[in-house]
Amino acid sequence: MVRETASSGDSLMLTVEIANLYRGFLTDSALVECRRAERLAHKLEDSDIEFKMRLERIQQMPLVGFSHGAIAEFESFTLDSLSNIHQAMALWAGRQMYSYIAAQFPNFPDEQNRWNNKATELQERLVGMLEPDSPDMLLNAGECEFMKGNDARAYAILTELLERIDINSNMTARVASLVGQIASRQGRVDESIHYLALSAIADVRSATREVTSLQQLGIAMYDKGEIERADYYLQEALASAVECHAAMRMLQTSEAIPVISAAGREADSRNRIRLYCALGLMALLAVGLILLIVKLRNEMRHQQELQSNLEITNHAKEVYMSEFISLCTVYMNKLNRFCEIASRKIATGATDELYRMTKSGRFAEEQSRDFYATFDNAFLHIYPDFVERVNELLRDDSKIELADGERLNTDLRILAFIRLGVEDSPKIAQALNYSVNTIYSYRNRLRNRAINRDTFDEDIMKIG
């Protein structure tokens, strides 16, 4: 019998320990174990543990939606008739139960205040019954001041308590959450986020999944504009509430998630627009870069063409000078020869013969033929395709045809002088030994044979 009682006592202690471990981690299992511990304690006539486990069960019932049952069962107690220890336990459990119930009415301030007032009333009584300056007493005193709006007093008590308790305990999570809410109410956003994060970390380290700090942290991050982190924290809070089977926490968290998810989608949309704008700008820059490269290549090609043309022009100048010197040399030789002939004729008294030679025009014709031959060779050396290019400017029925052995004819020589920049007809007439009227006539006939009469002279100047 003694052995059986001892075994039952061990089973009771083990069940109580399991219920305590399940508290905040898996609510419905915690309720089941609390109920089992109650029965075992009743069977073993251990009224203290039976009462304690009953209070544990009552305070957690609102988390899974059993608020009415919890209220009815708690209010069936006559608190003043209880011993001091049981009364303190009941006040603690009742305060927690009413706080859970108040949290179910975030959109109904009057109803929320009604239940918060009940919780504060019990907590004020509880503070007077706890050991002075103990962690439990400081926690409840600070929370009581917080509920009454005395933020400065609550902040002082709770921050002092934080320095005294284990940073990984569930009490740290609760105290840090309260301090974070005080900082938030006073507009100290960064400090609020710090303490809410500290509370969330303590919840994780103490294996507590029935949490509020993580969802409060998510809302704080949303208010700060960090949508992605806010959504992540709230999703984690919801997942914890689901795994903990805490229906009340699921409801609280799920109310905030759609708003933040919508904000996240809006932020994603803005980010996509920014991305598209950036891509569009990059495309424009790429097009501009390509156009710039093309322009630079064209400029380089143009510079190369200019360089090539400059080299050709310099070569042409050299040829001009060479042919000019050659032509001058020929005429100086002819002039010297003529002077020698004239001197011999005068010395021998054959002035009549000299007169007949100059009068007949034969000498001028010979000089002109020699000049034409020299000029033709020099000009075609510079512009070898001149004849073909001129014919491209003339109508099909007016092309210039050269006789055998002929390099340039009179038409082409006139055009050659124009190409060389000698456009005055008197100068051309003097060089070719023709009359001015004859040159005018040739030039007029050439224009009439051109495809474009009005621009014929300009087109000739472009040959090269």
Protein backbone atom coordinates (compact mmCIF):
# COMPACT_ATOMS: atom_id res chain seq x y z
CA MET A 1 0.00 0.00 0.00
CA VAL A 2 2.85 2.34 0.91
CA ARG A 3 4.67 1.33 -2.30
CA GLU A 4 1.50 2.00 -4.34
CA THR A 5 1.10 5.43 -2.72
CA ALA A 6 4.72 6.28 -3.41
CA SER A 7 4.35 5.23 -7.02
CA SER A 8 1.19 7.35 -7.39
CA GLY A 9 3.02 10.28 -5.83
CA ASP A 10 5.86 9.96 -8.36
CA SER A 11 3.32 9.78 -11.15
CA LEU A 12 1.65 12.97 -9.86
CA MET A 13 4.95 14.87 -9.72
CA LEU A 14 5.84 13.65 -13.19
CA THR A 15 2.43 14.73 -14.54
CA VAL A 16 2.79 18.16 -12.91
CA GLU A 17 6.23 18.54 -14.46
CA ILE A 18 4.91 17.52 -17.90
CA ALA A 19 2.04 20.01 -17.57
CA ASN A 20 4.53 22.77 -16.68
CA LEU A 21 6.70 21.88 -19.67
CA TYR A 22 3.72 21.92 -22.01
CA ARG A 23 2.63 25.35 -20.73
CA GLY A 24 3.36 27.90 -23.46
CA PHE A 25 4.57 25.17 -25.82
CA LEU A 26 1.47 23.10 -26.59
CA THR A 27 -1.62 24.50 -24.92
CA ASP A 28 -4.17 21.74 -25.42
CA SER A 29 -1.68 19.13 -24.18
CA ALA A 30 -0.94 21.36 -21.17
CA LEU A 31 -4.67 21.45 -20.38
CA VAL A 32 -4.91 17.67 -20.65
CA GLU A 33 -1.95 17.15 -18.33
CA CYS A 34 -3.29 19.72 -15.86
CA ARG A 35 -6.59 17.85 -15.76
CA ARG A 36 -4.80 14.54 -15.27
CA ALA A 37 -2.71 16.01 -12.46
CA GLU A 38 -5.89 17.34 -10.81
CA ARG A 39 -7.45 13.85 -10.77
CA LEU A 40 -4.30 12.21 -9.46
CA ALA A 41 -3.97 14.87 -6.73
CA HIS A 42 -7.62 14.43 -5.77
CA LYS A 43 -7.13 10.69 -5.61
CA LEU A 44 -4.06 11.16 -3.43
CA GLU A 45 -5.89 13.82 -1.38
CA ASP A 46 -3.20 16.39 -2.16
CA SER A 47 -5.40 19.50 -2.13
CA ASP A 48 -2.53 21.95 -2.70
CA ILE A 49 -1.44 20.39 -6.01
CA GLU A 50 -5.06 19.80 -7.02
CA PHE A 51 -5.83 23.51 -6.47
CA LYS A 52 -2.64 24.65 -8.18
CA MET A 53 -3.22 22.50 -11.30
CA ARG A 54 -6.86 23.60 -11.43
CA LEU A 55 -5.71 27.25 -11.51
CA GLU A 56 -3.10 26.41 -14.17
CA ARG A 57 -5.85 24.89 -16.31
CA ILE A 58 -8.26 27.80 -15.76
CA GLN A 59 -5.73 30.50 -16.71
CA GLN A 60 -4.85 28.72 -19.97
CA MET A 61 -8.40 27.89 -21.08
CA PRO A 62 -8.98 31.28 -22.88
CA LEU A 63 -6.01 30.54 -25.14
CA VAL A 64 -7.98 27.73 -26.82
CA GLY A 65 -11.34 29.53 -26.77
CA PHE A 66 -12.82 28.29 -23.47
CA SER A 67 -13.22 31.76 -21.95
CA HIS A 68 -16.74 31.31 -20.58
CA GLY A 69 -15.86 28.08 -18.84
CA ALA A 70 -12.74 29.61 -17.37
CA ILE A 71 -14.63 32.65 -16.05
CA ALA A 72 -17.38 30.55 -14.54
CA GLU A 73 -14.95 28.21 -12.84
CA PHE A 74 -12.70 30.98 -11.52
CA GLU A 75 -15.54 33.12 -10.22
CA SER A 76 -16.89 30.11 -8.33
CA PHE A 77 -14.02 30.64 -5.88
CA THR A 78 -14.51 32.77 -2.81
CA LEU A 79 -11.10 34.42 -2.74
CA ASP A 80 -11.35 35.85 0.75
CA SER A 81 -12.01 32.40 2.17
CA LEU A 82 -8.80 30.98 0.76
CA SER A 83 -5.50 30.71 2.61
CA ASN A 84 -2.92 33.35 1.83
CA ILE A 85 -0.90 30.97 -0.36
CA HIS A 86 -3.97 29.76 -2.27
CA GLN A 87 -5.33 33.30 -2.51
CA ALA A 88 -2.04 34.53 -4.04
CA MET A 89 -2.08 31.61 -6.49
CA ALA A 90 -5.70 32.39 -7.42
CA LEU A 91 -4.98 36.09 -7.89
CA TRP A 92 -2.03 35.27 -10.17
CA ALA A 93 -4.08 32.83 -12.25
CA GLY A 94 -7.13 35.13 -12.39
CA ARG A 95 -5.04 38.10 -13.47
CA GLN A 96 -3.53 36.05 -16.29
CA MET A 97 -6.91 34.67 -17.34
CA TYR A 98 -8.53 38.13 -17.51
CA SER A 99 -5.53 39.45 -19.48
CA TYR A 100 -5.93 36.66 -22.02
CA ILE A 101 -9.64 37.44 -22.33
CA ALA A 102 -8.97 41.20 -22.75
CA ALA A 103 -6.53 40.42 -25.57
CA GLN A 104 -9.42 38.86 -27.52
CA PHE A 105 -11.06 42.30 -28.00
CA PRO A 106 -8.49 44.52 -29.78
CA ASN A 107 -11.25 46.12 -31.88
CA PHE A 108 -13.63 46.67 -28.94
CA PRO A 109 -11.95 49.09 -26.50
CA ASP A 110 -14.79 49.16 -23.96
CA GLU A 111 -14.88 45.39 -23.66
CA GLN A 112 -11.09 45.18 -23.58
CA ASN A 113 -10.90 47.81 -20.81
CA ARG A 114 -13.54 45.95 -18.77
CA TRP A 115 -11.46 42.77 -18.65
CA ASN A 116 -8.18 44.66 -18.21
CA ASN A 117 -9.67 46.45 -15.20
CA LYS A 118 -10.57 43.08 -13.67
CA ALA A 119 -7.01 41.87 -14.26
CA THR A 120 -5.52 45.05 -12.75
CA GLU A 121 -7.78 44.84 -9.72
CA LEU A 122 -6.58 41.30 -8.98
CA GLN A 123 -2.97 42.25 -9.68
CA GLU A 124 -3.06 45.13 -7.19
CA ARG A 125 -4.21 42.73 -4.51
CA LEU A 126 -1.55 40.23 -5.58
CA VAL A 127 1.31 42.75 -5.26
CA GLY A 128 0.47 43.31 -1.60
CA MET A 129 0.63 39.58 -0.88
CA LEU A 130 3.96 38.77 -2.57
CA GLU A 131 7.33 38.93 -0.89
CA PRO A 132 8.63 42.51 -1.11
CA ASP A 133 11.30 43.17 -3.74
CA SER A 134 11.02 39.62 -5.09
CA PRO A 135 11.08 39.12 -8.90
CA ASP A 136 7.41 38.06 -8.88
CA MET A 137 6.44 41.12 -6.87
CA LEU A 138 8.44 43.48 -9.14
CA LEU A 139 6.99 41.89 -12.26
CA ASN A 140 3.40 42.32 -11.09
CA ALA A 141 4.04 45.79 -9.68
CA GLY A 142 5.59 46.95 -12.94
CA GLU A 143 2.82 45.42 -15.04
CA CYS A 144 0.20 46.94 -12.75
CA GLU A 145 1.74 50.40 -13.20
CA PHE A 146 1.88 49.78 -16.96
CA MET A 147 -1.83 48.88 -17.10
CA LYS A 148 -2.68 52.06 -15.15
CA GLY A 149 -0.67 54.19 -17.60
CA ASN A 150 2.17 55.07 -15.21
CA ASP A 151 4.84 54.44 -17.81
CA ALA A 152 7.76 56.11 -16.03
CA ARG A 153 7.17 54.14 -12.80
CA ALA A 154 6.60 50.89 -14.73
CA TYR A 155 9.73 51.43 -16.84
CA ALA A 156 11.91 51.99 -13.77
CA ILE A 157 10.63 48.85 -12.00
CA LEU A 158 10.82 46.57 -15.04
CA THR A 159 14.26 47.66 -16.28
CA GLU A 160 15.63 47.11 -12.77
CA LEU A 161 14.05 43.64 -12.76
CA LEU A 162 15.63 42.80 -16.14
CA GLU A 163 19.07 43.21 -14.63
CA ARG A 164 18.30 40.67 -11.90
CA ILE A 165 16.73 37.76 -13.73
CA ASP A 166 18.04 35.08 -16.10
CA ILE A 167 18.11 36.47 -19.64
CA ASN A 168 16.86 33.17 -21.06
CA SER A 169 13.86 32.80 -18.74
CA ASN A 170 10.19 33.16 -19.60
CA MET A 171 10.01 36.03 -17.10
CA THR A 172 12.59 37.92 -19.20
CA ALA A 173 10.33 37.50 -22.25
CA ARG A 174 7.39 38.93 -20.34
CA VAL A 175 9.33 41.84 -18.77
CA ALA A 176 11.12 42.80 -22.00
CA SER A 177 7.80 42.75 -23.87
CA LEU A 178 6.31 45.22 -21.37
CA VAL A 179 9.37 47.51 -21.58
CA GLY A 180 9.17 47.39 -25.38
CA GLN A 181 5.50 48.41 -25.27
CA ILE A 182 6.31 51.31 -22.93
CA ALA A 183 9.07 52.53 -25.28
CA SER A 184 6.66 52.25 -28.21
CA ARG A 185 3.99 54.29 -26.42
CA GLN A 186 6.59 57.01 -25.78
CA GLY A 187 7.75 57.05 -29.43
CA ARG A 188 11.17 55.45 -28.86
CA VAL A 189 10.91 53.12 -31.83
CA ASP A 190 14.44 51.70 -31.89
CA GLU A 191 14.39 51.00 -28.14
CA SER A 192 10.99 49.34 -28.48
CA ILE A 193 12.28 47.07 -31.24
CA HIS A 194 15.34 46.20 -29.12
CA TYR A 195 13.26 45.03 -26.15
CA LEU A 196 10.68 43.23 -28.27
CA ALA A 197 13.50 41.37 -30.01
CA LEU A 198 14.99 40.54 -26.60
CA SER A 199 11.60 39.20 -25.52
CA ALA A 200 11.23 37.10 -28.67
CA ILE A 201 14.70 35.62 -28.16
CA ALA A 202 13.85 34.74 -24.57
CA ASP A 203 10.66 33.03 -25.75
CA VAL A 204 12.67 30.91 -28.16
CA ARG A 205 15.30 30.01 -25.55
CA SER A 206 12.63 29.10 -22.98
CA ALA A 207 10.76 26.93 -25.54
CA THR A 208 7.66 29.16 -25.42
CA ARG A 209 5.46 29.16 -28.52
CA GLU A 210 2.47 30.97 -27.03
CA VAL A 211 4.01 34.39 -27.69
CA THR A 212 3.03 38.01 -28.21
CA SER A 213 6.42 39.69 -28.57
CA LEU A 214 7.13 38.27 -32.02
CA GLN A 215 3.87 39.56 -33.45
CA GLN A 216 4.43 42.93 -31.72
CA LEU A 217 7.92 43.00 -33.24
CA GLY A 218 6.42 42.29 -36.67
CA ILE A 219 3.98 45.17 -36.31
CA ALA A 220 6.81 47.47 -35.14
CA MET A 221 8.89 46.54 -38.18
CA TYR A 222 5.86 47.20 -40.40
CA ASP A 223 5.44 50.67 -38.86
CA LYS A 224 9.13 51.27 -39.55
CA GLY A 225 8.65 50.34 -43.20
CA GLU A 226 10.58 47.05 -43.16
CA ILE A 227 7.79 45.04 -44.75
CA GLU A 228 9.74 41.90 -45.55
CA ARG A 229 10.98 41.42 -41.98
CA ALA A 230 7.56 42.29 -40.58
CA ASP A 231 5.93 39.64 -42.73
CA TYR A 232 8.58 37.09 -41.73
CA TYR A 233 8.11 37.71 -37.99
CA LEU A 234 4.32 37.53 -38.21
CA GLN A 235 4.46 34.33 -40.25
CA GLU A 236 6.72 32.83 -37.59
CA ALA A 237 4.38 34.05 -34.84
CA LEU A 238 1.41 32.49 -36.60
CA ALA A 239 3.29 29.23 -37.13
CA SER A 240 4.15 29.16 -33.40
CA ALA A 241 0.52 29.83 -32.46
CA VAL A 242 -0.68 27.05 -34.75
CA GLU A 243 1.87 24.58 -33.39
CA CYS A 244 0.98 25.63 -29.85
CA HIS A 245 -2.76 25.25 -30.61
CA ALA A 246 -3.34 28.70 -29.12
CA ALA A 247 -6.44 29.80 -31.02
CA MET A 248 -6.41 33.27 -29.46
CA ARG A 249 -2.85 33.96 -30.64
CA MET A 250 -3.72 32.62 -34.10
CA LEU A 251 -6.60 35.09 -34.31
CA GLN A 252 -4.47 38.02 -33.10
CA THR A 253 -1.66 37.29 -35.53
CA SER A 254 -3.87 36.49 -38.52
CA GLU A 255 -5.55 39.90 -38.22
CA ALA A 256 -2.24 41.69 -38.86
CA ILE A 257 -0.88 39.39 -41.58
CA PRO A 258 -3.25 40.42 -44.45
CA VAL A 259 -2.42 44.10 -43.95
CA ILE A 260 1.30 43.46 -43.94
CA SER A 261 1.08 40.97 -46.79
CA ALA A 262 -0.82 43.56 -48.83
CA ALA A 263 1.88 46.10 -47.98
CA GLY A 264 4.48 43.51 -48.99
CA ARG A 265 2.76 42.99 -52.32
CA GLU A 266 2.58 46.73 -52.81
CA ALA A 267 6.27 47.03 -51.96
CA ASP A 268 7.03 44.19 -54.38
CA SER A 269 5.02 46.01 -57.02
CA ARG A 270 6.97 49.22 -56.38
CA ASN A 271 10.21 47.28 -56.48
CA ARG A 272 9.18 45.72 -59.79
CA ILE A 273 8.39 49.17 -61.17
CA ARG A 274 11.77 50.41 -59.94
CA LEU A 275 13.40 47.36 -61.50
CA TYR A 276 11.63 47.94 -64.81
CA CYS A 277 12.62 51.61 -64.69
CA ALA A 278 16.20 50.65 -63.92
CA LEU A 279 16.20 48.11 -66.75
CA GLY A 280 14.67 50.70 -69.06
CA LEU A 281 17.29 53.24 -68.03
CA MET A 282 20.02 50.65 -68.52
CA ALA A 283 18.58 49.84 -71.94
CA LEU A 284 18.58 53.53 -72.83
CA LEU A 285 22.15 53.85 -71.57
CA ALA A 286 23.10 50.77 -73.58
CA VAL A 287 21.47 52.22 -76.70
CA GLY A 288 23.19 55.54 -76.03
CA LEU A 289 26.49 53.73 -75.56
CA ILE A 290 26.00 51.81 -78.80
CA LEU A 291 25.11 55.01 -80.63
CA LEU A 292 28.15 56.69 -79.11
CA ILE A 293 30.36 53.80 -80.20
CA VAL A 294 28.86 53.90 -83.70
CA LYS A 295 29.38 57.66 -83.81
CA LEU A 296 32.96 57.30 -82.62
CA ARG A 297 33.59 54.60 -85.22
CA ASN A 298 32.09 56.82 -87.90
CA GLU A 299 34.22 59.71 -86.68
CA MET A 300 37.30 57.49 -86.75
CA ARG A 301 36.37 56.30 -90.23
CA HIS A 302 35.78 59.91 -91.27
CA GLN A 303 39.14 60.88 -89.79
CA GLN A 304 40.77 58.03 -91.67
CA GLU A 305 39.06 59.15 -94.87
CA LEU A 306 40.21 62.72 -94.23
CA GLN A 307 43.71 61.44 -93.59
CA SER A 308 43.58 59.42 -96.78
CA ASN A 309 42.20 62.38 -98.73
CA LEU A 310 44.87 64.59 -97.23
CA GLU A 311 47.52 62.14 -98.32
CA ILE A 312 45.98 62.02 -101.79
CA THR A 313 45.82 65.83 -101.87
CA ASN A 314 49.44 66.11 -100.78
CA HIS A 315 50.38 63.59 -103.45
CA ALA A 316 48.36 65.56 -106.00
CA LYS A 317 50.18 68.74 -104.99
CA GLU A 318 53.48 66.99 -105.51
CA VAL A 319 52.33 65.79 -108.91
CA TYR A 320 51.05 69.29 -109.76
CA MET A 321 54.43 70.76 -108.89
CA SER A 322 56.28 68.05 -110.78
CA GLU A 323 54.15 68.46 -113.91
CA PHE A 324 54.27 72.24 -113.65
CA ILE A 325 58.06 72.20 -113.43
CA SER A 326 58.16 69.70 -116.31
CA LEU A 327 55.89 71.93 -118.44
CA CYS A 328 57.95 75.03 -117.62
CA THR A 329 61.13 73.17 -118.52
CA VAL A 330 59.69 72.13 -121.88
CA TYR A 331 58.70 75.68 -122.72
CA MET A 332 62.01 77.11 -121.60
CA ASN A 333 63.77 74.59 -123.85
CA LYS A 334 61.48 75.48 -126.74
CA LEU A 335 61.99 79.16 -126.10
CA ASN A 336 65.78 78.70 -126.03
CA ARG A 337 65.63 76.73 -129.28
CA PHE A 338 63.48 79.38 -130.91
CA CYS A 339 65.90 82.07 -129.73
CA GLU A 340 68.84 80.10 -131.20
CA ILE A 341 66.97 79.72 -134.55
CA ALA A 342 66.04 83.39 -134.56
CA SER A 343 69.65 84.40 -133.76
CA ARG A 344 71.06 82.25 -136.60
CA LYS A 345 68.49 83.60 -139.06
CA ILE A 346 69.25 87.19 -138.10
CA ALA A 347 73.02 86.55 -138.15
CA THR A 348 72.87 85.08 -141.66
CA GLY A 349 70.54 87.82 -142.88
CA ALA A 350 67.61 85.38 -143.35
CA THR A 351 65.15 87.69 -141.73
CA ASP A 352 62.59 87.14 -144.47
CA GLU A 353 62.60 83.40 -143.80
CA LEU A 354 62.24 84.12 -140.07
CA TYR A 355 59.32 86.38 -140.81
CA ARG A 356 57.63 83.72 -142.98
CA MET A 357 58.16 81.07 -140.28
CA THR A 358 56.46 83.17 -137.61
CA LYS A 359 53.77 84.51 -139.96
CA SER A 360 52.60 81.12 -141.18
CA GLY A 361 51.37 80.03 -137.70
CA ARG A 362 53.11 76.68 -138.06
CA PHE A 363 55.33 77.46 -135.10
CA ALA A 364 52.31 78.30 -132.89
CA GLU A 365 50.56 75.07 -133.96
CA GLU A 366 53.62 73.03 -133.13
CA GLN A 367 53.86 74.71 -129.71
CA SER A 368 50.15 74.13 -129.07
CA ARG A 369 50.45 70.43 -129.99
CA ASP A 370 53.38 70.02 -127.68
CA PHE A 371 51.52 71.87 -124.90
CA TYR A 372 48.40 69.71 -125.39
CA ALA A 373 50.42 66.51 -125.21
CA THR A 374 52.26 67.62 -122.09
CA PHE A 375 49.09 68.94 -120.45
CA ASP A 376 47.10 65.78 -121.30
CA ASN A 377 49.77 63.53 -119.81
CA ALA A 378 50.11 65.64 -116.68
CA PHE A 379 46.36 65.96 -116.06
CA LEU A 380 45.52 62.30 -116.65
CA HIS A 381 48.38 61.35 -114.38
CA ILE A 382 46.49 63.15 -111.58
CA TYR A 383 42.95 62.17 -112.65
CA PRO A 384 43.31 58.89 -114.54
CA ASP A 385 39.52 58.21 -114.74
CA PHE A 386 38.57 61.75 -115.73
CA VAL A 387 37.11 60.79 -119.11
CA GLU A 388 34.88 58.06 -117.61
CA ARG A 389 33.69 60.33 -114.81
CA VAL A 390 32.80 63.11 -117.27
CA ASN A 391 30.81 60.67 -119.42
CA GLU A 392 28.82 59.68 -116.30
CA LEU A 393 27.59 63.28 -116.16
CA LEU A 394 26.47 63.32 -119.82
CA ARG A 395 23.38 61.88 -121.44
CA ASP A 396 23.72 58.50 -123.13
CA ASP A 397 23.47 60.04 -126.62
CA SER A 398 26.05 62.75 -125.80
CA LYS A 399 28.99 60.80 -124.46
CA ILE A 400 32.48 61.96 -125.48
CA GLU A 401 34.33 59.51 -127.72
CA LEU A 402 38.06 59.93 -128.30
CA ALA A 403 39.84 59.13 -131.51
CA ASP A 404 42.57 56.49 -131.60
CA GLY A 405 45.66 57.70 -129.81
CA GLU A 406 43.86 60.72 -128.48
CA ARG A 407 44.02 61.21 -124.71
CA LEU A 408 41.97 64.41 -124.35
CA ASN A 409 40.08 66.51 -126.87
CA THR A 410 39.13 70.16 -126.71
CA ASP A 411 35.92 69.48 -124.71
CA LEU A 412 37.81 67.51 -122.15
CA ARG A 413 40.65 70.04 -121.90
CA ILE A 414 38.17 72.82 -121.19
CA LEU A 415 36.58 70.66 -118.48
CA ALA A 416 40.07 69.78 -117.17
CA PHE A 417 40.85 73.48 -116.68
CA ILE A 418 37.52 73.90 -114.84
CA ARG A 419 38.45 70.96 -112.59
CA LEU A 420 41.80 72.63 -111.88
CA GLY A 421 39.92 75.72 -110.71
CA VAL A 422 40.41 77.83 -113.85
CA GLU A 423 36.78 78.76 -114.51
CA ASP A 424 37.24 82.09 -116.36
CA SER A 425 36.71 81.52 -120.07
CA PRO A 426 39.33 84.19 -121.13
CA LYS A 427 42.04 82.42 -119.19
CA ILE A 428 41.07 79.05 -120.66
CA ALA A 429 41.04 80.60 -124.16
CA GLN A 430 44.50 82.06 -123.65
CA ALA A 431 45.92 78.74 -122.41
CA LEU A 432 44.42 76.66 -125.21
CA ASN A 433 45.08 79.28 -127.91
CA TYR A 434 41.37 79.73 -128.74
CA SER A 435 39.16 82.76 -128.89
CA VAL A 436 36.97 83.57 -125.91
CA ASN A 437 33.80 83.10 -127.98
CA THR A 438 34.97 79.66 -129.00
CA ILE A 439 35.42 78.68 -125.33
CA TYR A 440 31.98 80.07 -124.48
CA SER A 441 30.47 78.06 -127.29
CA TYR A 442 32.18 74.82 -126.17
CA ARG A 443 31.10 75.28 -122.58
CA ASN A 444 27.49 75.98 -123.57
CA ARG A 445 27.33 72.86 -125.76
CA LEU A 446 28.77 70.76 -122.93
CA ARG A 447 26.14 72.00 -120.49
CA ASN A 448 23.40 71.15 -122.99
CA ARG A 449 24.75 67.60 -123.22
CA ALA A 450 24.76 67.16 -119.40
CA ILE A 451 22.18 65.17 -117.45
CA ASN A 452 21.86 68.06 -115.01
CA ARG A 453 22.69 71.29 -116.82
CA ASP A 454 22.37 73.56 -113.76
CA THR A 455 24.94 71.74 -111.62
CA PHE A 456 27.27 70.57 -114.37
CA ASP A 457 30.23 72.79 -113.43
CA GLU A 458 29.88 71.86 -109.72
CA ASP A 459 29.72 68.16 -110.65
CA ILE A 460 32.95 68.53 -112.64
CA MET A 461 34.64 70.06 -109.58
CA LYS A 462 33.70 66.96 -107.53
CA ILE A 463 35.65 64.60 -109.81
CA GLY A 464 38.75 63.30 -108.06
